[in-house]
Amino acid sequence: MLPAYRLLGGVELTLSELLLLPPVLRVEAVAATVLTVVFVAYLGYARRAAPTSSCGCLSARATPVSGRSLARSGLLVAAGGLAGLATGGWLPALAGQPVAGAAVLLVELAVMVSLSPELDPSWLLPLRRLRARLTHPLRGGTGVPLLATVQQLQLSDAYRRVAPLLRSDVREHWDDGDWRFVGHAARYQGRLVTAVFAVPLVDRDRDAVRVAVVDDATWHILLSLPGPPPAARRRPPALRRPGPDTATIPEGEVTMRRVRPWAGGAAAGPAEGHELIGAAPAVAGPQQGRE
């Protein structure tokens, strides 16, 4: 098989030189287009018969055939067809309009590189590392790492009191003012609910953590566990139940608004039909029982 691969490489190199160098012959473009069509068919067969196999198109790096590889080959087929319809060579066209011609060549080169998975280690991975260094994806907008918030949350009395209800790890989080809100999927009295914890970003006192349990179906707050006042931080907070039919949270903690359901299901995103945001008036809903 190695001599056949070398022969194919020689044919491709010869065609590329004929296309670049004058004189311009239509048969060269037709031959290049036919060869590219055959290569597209080969890539399609390889992707279906051996999805993990590498085409070895631009490097010796093992890269499975992907949609990007097929798109790149499709663009080469289109370029070959346009070359067959052209009446002149590319050198006179570039000399006649150097700025526009150079811009077109740069765009074509950028498109081909972006559609070549074999070249990702040379440009895409360094860009991703640079973005990670600049944006710090594991931190919130305040610069406080999410891990530090989770540690403060898990050491809090509010977390320990509702831990038996939780059914997931951190599912979403967002910052609002001096608070970071962390959502967990939970189940309360047979209902699918969302436990939303409010963790202070400045105050590292674990007893300052608050929590509200929200019904996924009705958006009502079924339970709330506010943090104690500063003078009583060392006393375990009690579950707040102001009346026989309602359970509320302090003003400025959490409110809700309708959003479209997540496609990933209950384990992938927030509960269907509601979203929780901070710094809003108090919300009250029917209490469904005591825990």
Protein backbone atom coordinates (compact mmCIF):
# COMPACT_ATOMS: atom_id res chain seq x y z
CA MET A 1 0.00 0.00 0.00
CA LEU A 2 2.92 2.38 0.62
CA PRO A 3 3.93 2.60 -3.10
CA ALA A 4 0.31 3.35 -4.00
CA TYR A 5 0.15 6.17 -1.45
CA ARG A 6 3.39 7.62 -2.80
CA LEU A 7 2.06 7.43 -6.35
CA LEU A 8 -1.12 9.23 -5.32
CA GLY A 9 0.92 11.92 -3.57
CA GLY A 10 3.01 12.38 -6.69
CA VAL A 11 -0.09 12.80 -8.83
CA GLU A 12 -1.52 15.41 -6.43
CA LEU A 13 1.78 17.33 -6.35
CA THR A 14 2.01 17.32 -10.14
CA LEU A 15 -1.56 18.62 -10.56
CA SER A 16 -0.99 21.38 -8.03
CA GLU A 17 2.12 22.54 -9.87
CA LEU A 18 0.29 22.52 -13.20
CA LEU A 19 -2.51 24.63 -11.72
CA LEU A 20 -0.11 27.20 -10.27
CA LEU A 21 2.26 27.56 -13.21
CA PRO A 22 1.38 28.94 -16.66
CA PRO A 23 0.09 28.21 -19.22
CA VAL A 24 -3.52 27.92 -18.10
CA LEU A 25 -5.20 24.77 -19.45
CA ARG A 26 -8.79 23.79 -18.76
CA VAL A 27 -7.87 20.12 -18.63
CA GLU A 28 -5.76 20.77 -15.55
CA ALA A 29 -8.72 22.15 -13.61
CA VAL A 30 -10.95 19.30 -14.78
CA ALA A 31 -8.40 16.70 -13.67
CA ALA A 32 -8.03 18.37 -10.27
CA THR A 33 -11.82 18.49 -9.83
CA VAL A 34 -12.22 14.81 -10.71
CA LEU A 35 -9.45 13.83 -8.29
CA THR A 36 -11.05 15.88 -5.51
CA VAL A 37 -14.48 14.31 -6.12
CA VAL A 38 -12.92 10.86 -5.80
CA PHE A 39 -11.23 11.94 -2.59
CA VAL A 40 -14.55 13.20 -1.15
CA ALA A 41 -16.11 9.82 -1.92
CA TYR A 42 -13.20 8.09 -0.21
CA LEU A 43 -13.58 10.26 2.90
CA GLY A 44 -17.30 9.52 3.07
CA TYR A 45 -16.66 5.79 2.81
CA ALA A 46 -13.88 5.91 5.41
CA ARG A 47 -16.05 7.83 7.86
CA ARG A 48 -18.82 5.27 7.52
CA ALA A 49 -16.73 2.09 7.44
CA ALA A 50 -14.04 3.09 9.96
CA PRO A 51 -15.09 6.22 11.88
CA THR A 52 -11.92 6.31 13.97
CA SER A 53 -9.53 6.00 11.02
CA SER A 54 -7.37 8.93 9.96
CA CYS A 55 -7.26 10.24 6.41
CA GLY A 56 -3.67 11.53 6.73
CA CYS A 57 -4.59 14.53 4.62
CA LEU A 58 -2.28 17.28 5.86
CA SER A 59 -0.05 15.61 8.44
CA ALA A 60 0.94 12.32 9.98
CA ARG A 61 -1.13 13.15 13.08
CA ALA A 62 -3.92 10.62 13.59
CA THR A 63 -7.11 12.65 13.09
CA PRO A 64 -10.46 10.91 12.42
CA VAL A 65 -12.46 12.00 9.40
CA SER A 66 -14.97 14.63 10.51
CA GLY A 67 -17.50 16.99 9.04
CA ARG A 68 -14.77 19.62 8.79
CA SER A 69 -12.70 17.30 6.58
CA LEU A 70 -15.66 16.71 4.28
CA ALA A 71 -16.44 20.44 4.13
CA ARG A 72 -12.82 21.21 3.21
CA SER A 73 -12.90 18.67 0.39
CA GLY A 74 -16.23 20.07 -0.80
CA LEU A 75 -14.72 23.54 -1.02
CA LEU A 76 -11.84 22.13 -3.06
CA VAL A 77 -14.34 20.59 -5.47
CA ALA A 78 -16.04 23.97 -5.83
CA ALA A 79 -12.68 25.70 -6.36
CA GLY A 80 -11.74 23.21 -9.06
CA GLY A 81 -15.05 23.76 -10.82
CA LEU A 82 -14.57 27.54 -10.76
CA ALA A 83 -11.04 27.12 -12.11
CA GLY A 84 -12.42 25.10 -15.01
CA LEU A 85 -14.78 27.95 -15.88
CA ALA A 86 -12.13 30.66 -15.62
CA THR A 87 -10.79 32.26 -18.80
CA GLY A 88 -7.46 33.42 -17.39
CA GLY A 89 -4.84 32.48 -14.83
CA TRP A 90 -4.62 33.60 -11.25
CA LEU A 91 -1.33 35.47 -11.66
CA PRO A 92 -2.72 38.09 -14.12
CA ALA A 93 -5.82 38.53 -11.92
CA LEU A 94 -3.67 39.07 -8.84
CA ALA A 95 -1.43 41.54 -10.68
CA GLY A 96 -4.48 43.50 -11.90
CA GLN A 97 -6.06 43.83 -8.43
CA PRO A 98 -3.34 43.09 -5.86
CA VAL A 99 -5.22 44.28 -2.75
CA ALA A 100 -8.46 42.46 -3.52
CA GLY A 101 -6.59 39.38 -4.74
CA ALA A 102 -4.43 39.21 -1.61
CA ALA A 103 -7.52 39.60 0.59
CA VAL A 104 -9.26 36.74 -1.22
CA LEU A 105 -6.20 34.50 -0.88
CA LEU A 106 -5.95 35.23 2.86
CA VAL A 107 -9.64 34.47 3.40
CA GLU A 108 -9.33 31.21 1.47
CA LEU A 109 -6.26 30.25 3.49
CA ALA A 110 -8.02 31.02 6.78
CA VAL A 111 -11.06 28.96 5.76
CA MET A 112 -8.93 25.99 4.75
CA VAL A 113 -6.95 26.11 8.00
CA SER A 114 -10.12 26.36 10.10
CA LEU A 115 -11.53 23.31 8.30
CA SER A 116 -8.39 21.22 8.87
CA PRO A 117 -8.51 19.29 12.18
CA GLU A 118 -4.91 18.20 11.60
CA LEU A 119 -3.75 21.79 12.12
CA ASP A 120 -5.65 22.42 15.38
CA PRO A 121 -2.59 21.91 17.63
CA SER A 122 -0.83 24.71 15.75
CA TRP A 123 -3.45 27.45 16.16
CA LEU A 124 -6.72 26.38 17.83
CA LEU A 125 -5.32 24.91 21.05
CA PRO A 126 -3.02 27.92 21.71
CA LEU A 127 -6.01 30.23 21.24
CA ARG A 128 -8.06 28.21 23.70
CA ARG A 129 -5.27 28.30 26.27
CA LEU A 130 -4.96 32.06 25.83
CA ARG A 131 -8.71 32.53 26.30
CA ALA A 132 -8.63 30.40 29.46
CA ARG A 133 -5.80 32.51 30.88
CA LEU A 134 -7.58 35.77 30.09
CA THR A 135 -11.15 34.88 31.06
CA HIS A 136 -10.60 32.46 33.99
CA PRO A 137 -13.67 30.29 33.18
CA LEU A 138 -13.68 28.70 36.66
CA ARG A 139 -14.25 32.09 38.28
CA GLY A 140 -17.34 34.23 38.44
CA GLY A 141 -17.54 37.85 37.41
CA THR A 142 -16.15 38.93 40.78
CA GLY A 143 -12.99 36.87 40.48
CA VAL A 144 -13.94 34.57 43.37
CA PRO A 145 -13.32 30.95 42.30
CA LEU A 146 -16.39 28.75 42.20
CA LEU A 147 -14.54 26.12 44.25
CA ALA A 148 -14.17 28.56 47.14
CA THR A 149 -17.90 29.28 47.02
CA VAL A 150 -18.75 25.57 46.98
CA GLN A 151 -16.48 24.93 49.95
CA GLN A 152 -18.11 27.74 51.94
CA LEU A 153 -21.53 26.44 50.93
CA GLN A 154 -20.91 22.83 51.91
CA LEU A 155 -19.64 23.85 55.34
CA SER A 156 -22.74 25.92 56.06
CA ASP A 157 -25.61 24.94 58.31
CA ALA A 158 -28.09 25.74 55.53
CA TYR A 159 -26.48 23.19 53.23
CA ARG A 160 -26.41 20.48 55.91
CA ARG A 161 -30.10 20.99 56.68
CA VAL A 162 -31.26 20.57 53.07
CA ALA A 163 -28.57 18.09 51.95
CA PRO A 164 -30.97 15.09 52.15
CA LEU A 165 -33.15 16.80 49.54
CA LEU A 166 -30.39 17.35 46.97
CA ARG A 167 -30.20 15.17 43.87
CA SER A 168 -27.34 16.79 41.91
CA ASP A 169 -24.10 18.69 42.19
CA VAL A 170 -23.87 22.37 41.23
CA ARG A 171 -26.10 22.76 38.20
CA GLU A 172 -25.77 26.49 37.60
CA HIS A 173 -24.40 29.57 39.30
CA TRP A 174 -24.42 33.33 38.76
CA ASP A 175 -23.34 36.46 40.58
CA ASP A 176 -25.58 39.35 41.57
CA GLY A 177 -24.09 42.17 43.59
CA ASP A 178 -22.37 40.80 46.68
CA TRP A 179 -24.02 37.38 46.36
CA ARG A 180 -23.35 34.27 44.35
CA PHE A 181 -26.38 32.06 43.68
CA VAL A 182 -25.81 28.31 43.30
CA GLY A 183 -28.54 25.93 42.09
CA HIS A 184 -28.98 22.22 42.81
CA ALA A 185 -31.64 19.81 41.63
CA ALA A 186 -33.61 18.45 44.58
CA ARG A 187 -36.76 16.54 45.56
CA TYR A 188 -39.12 17.65 48.32
CA GLN A 189 -42.20 15.65 49.35
CA GLY A 190 -42.18 13.83 46.01
CA ARG A 191 -41.87 17.05 43.99
CA LEU A 192 -39.07 18.08 41.65
CA VAL A 193 -37.64 21.27 43.12
CA THR A 194 -34.58 23.49 42.81
CA ALA A 195 -32.53 24.41 45.87
CA VAL A 196 -31.01 27.84 45.34
CA PHE A 197 -28.26 28.85 47.77
CA ALA A 198 -27.23 32.48 48.24
CA VAL A 199 -23.56 32.63 49.24
CA PRO A 200 -21.99 35.99 50.14
CA LEU A 201 -18.93 36.86 48.10
CA VAL A 202 -17.37 39.16 50.70
CA ASP A 203 -18.45 37.61 54.00
CA ARG A 204 -16.64 34.30 54.42
CA ASP A 205 -18.82 33.33 57.38
CA ARG A 206 -20.42 30.03 56.44
CA ASP A 207 -23.45 30.80 58.61
CA ALA A 208 -24.34 33.69 56.27
CA VAL A 209 -25.43 31.25 53.54
CA ARG A 210 -29.15 31.28 52.72
CA VAL A 211 -31.26 28.78 50.79
CA ALA A 212 -34.67 28.69 49.12
CA VAL A 213 -36.41 25.56 47.81
CA VAL A 214 -38.51 26.33 44.72
CA ASP A 215 -41.15 24.10 43.13
CA ASP A 216 -40.22 23.38 39.51
CA ALA A 217 -43.83 23.19 38.39
CA THR A 218 -45.40 26.21 40.11
CA TRP A 219 -42.28 28.35 40.77
CA HIS A 220 -43.47 28.79 44.36
CA ILE A 221 -40.95 28.93 47.16
CA LEU A 222 -41.81 26.00 49.40
CA LEU A 223 -39.10 26.49 52.03
CA SER A 224 -36.59 29.19 52.88
CA LEU A 225 -33.73 29.24 55.31
CA PRO A 226 -32.42 32.79 55.77
CA GLY A 227 -29.09 33.54 57.34
CA PRO A 228 -29.14 34.90 60.89
CA PRO A 229 -28.42 38.57 61.65
CA PRO A 230 -24.76 39.44 62.32
CA ALA A 231 -25.25 39.42 66.10
CA ALA A 232 -26.66 35.89 66.01
CA ARG A 233 -24.38 34.30 63.40
CA ARG A 234 -23.20 31.62 65.80
CA ARG A 235 -26.70 30.39 66.58
CA PRO A 236 -28.12 27.83 64.12
CA PRO A 237 -30.82 29.55 62.05
CA ALA A 238 -34.38 28.29 62.20
CA LEU A 239 -36.55 27.52 59.22
CA ARG A 240 -38.63 30.57 58.44
CA ARG A 241 -42.39 29.88 58.30
CA PRO A 242 -44.40 33.07 58.78
CA GLY A 243 -47.80 31.51 58.30
CA PRO A 244 -49.69 28.24 57.94
CA ASP A 245 -50.03 28.61 54.16
CA THR A 246 -46.90 30.44 53.04
CA ALA A 247 -43.15 30.25 53.33
CA THR A 248 -41.14 33.28 52.27
CA ILE A 249 -37.58 34.50 51.97
CA PRO A 250 -36.29 37.95 52.98
CA GLU A 251 -36.73 40.79 50.56
CA GLY A 252 -33.88 41.16 48.10
CA GLU A 253 -32.96 37.48 47.94
CA VAL A 254 -34.57 35.69 45.04
CA THR A 255 -37.31 36.16 42.50
CA MET A 256 -38.40 34.13 39.50
CA ARG A 257 -39.18 34.61 35.86
CA ARG A 258 -40.30 32.27 33.09
CA VAL A 259 -37.74 30.84 30.71
CA ARG A 260 -37.91 28.19 28.04
CA PRO A 261 -37.13 24.60 29.12
CA TRP A 262 -33.61 23.27 28.88
CA ALA A 263 -33.00 20.66 26.18
CA GLY A 264 -30.73 18.64 28.41
CA GLY A 265 -33.37 17.57 30.91
CA ALA A 266 -33.48 17.90 34.69
CA ALA A 267 -29.90 16.75 35.14
CA ALA A 268 -28.42 19.21 32.64
CA GLY A 269 -29.91 22.60 33.45
CA PRO A 270 -32.35 24.61 35.54
CA ALA A 271 -35.81 23.32 36.23
CA GLU A 272 -38.30 23.76 33.43
CA GLY A 273 -40.40 26.88 33.49
CA HIS A 274 -38.51 29.14 35.87
CA GLU A 275 -35.29 30.97 36.47
CA LEU A 276 -34.07 32.46 39.71
CA ILE A 277 -32.37 35.84 39.89
CA GLY A 278 -31.18 37.85 42.84
CA ALA A 279 -31.87 41.28 44.26
CA ALA A 280 -35.63 41.34 43.85
CA PRO A 281 -38.68 41.76 46.11
CA ALA A 282 -39.80 38.97 48.33
CA VAL A 283 -41.76 36.13 46.77
CA ALA A 284 -44.33 34.05 48.56
CA GLY A 285 -45.94 30.79 47.58
CA PRO A 286 -48.13 28.08 49.12
CA GLN A 287 -46.44 25.83 51.60
CA GLN A 288 -46.92 22.16 50.84
CA GLY A 289 -46.06 20.74 54.24
CA ARG A 290 -43.35 20.46 56.79
CA GLU A 291 -40.16 18.60 56.43
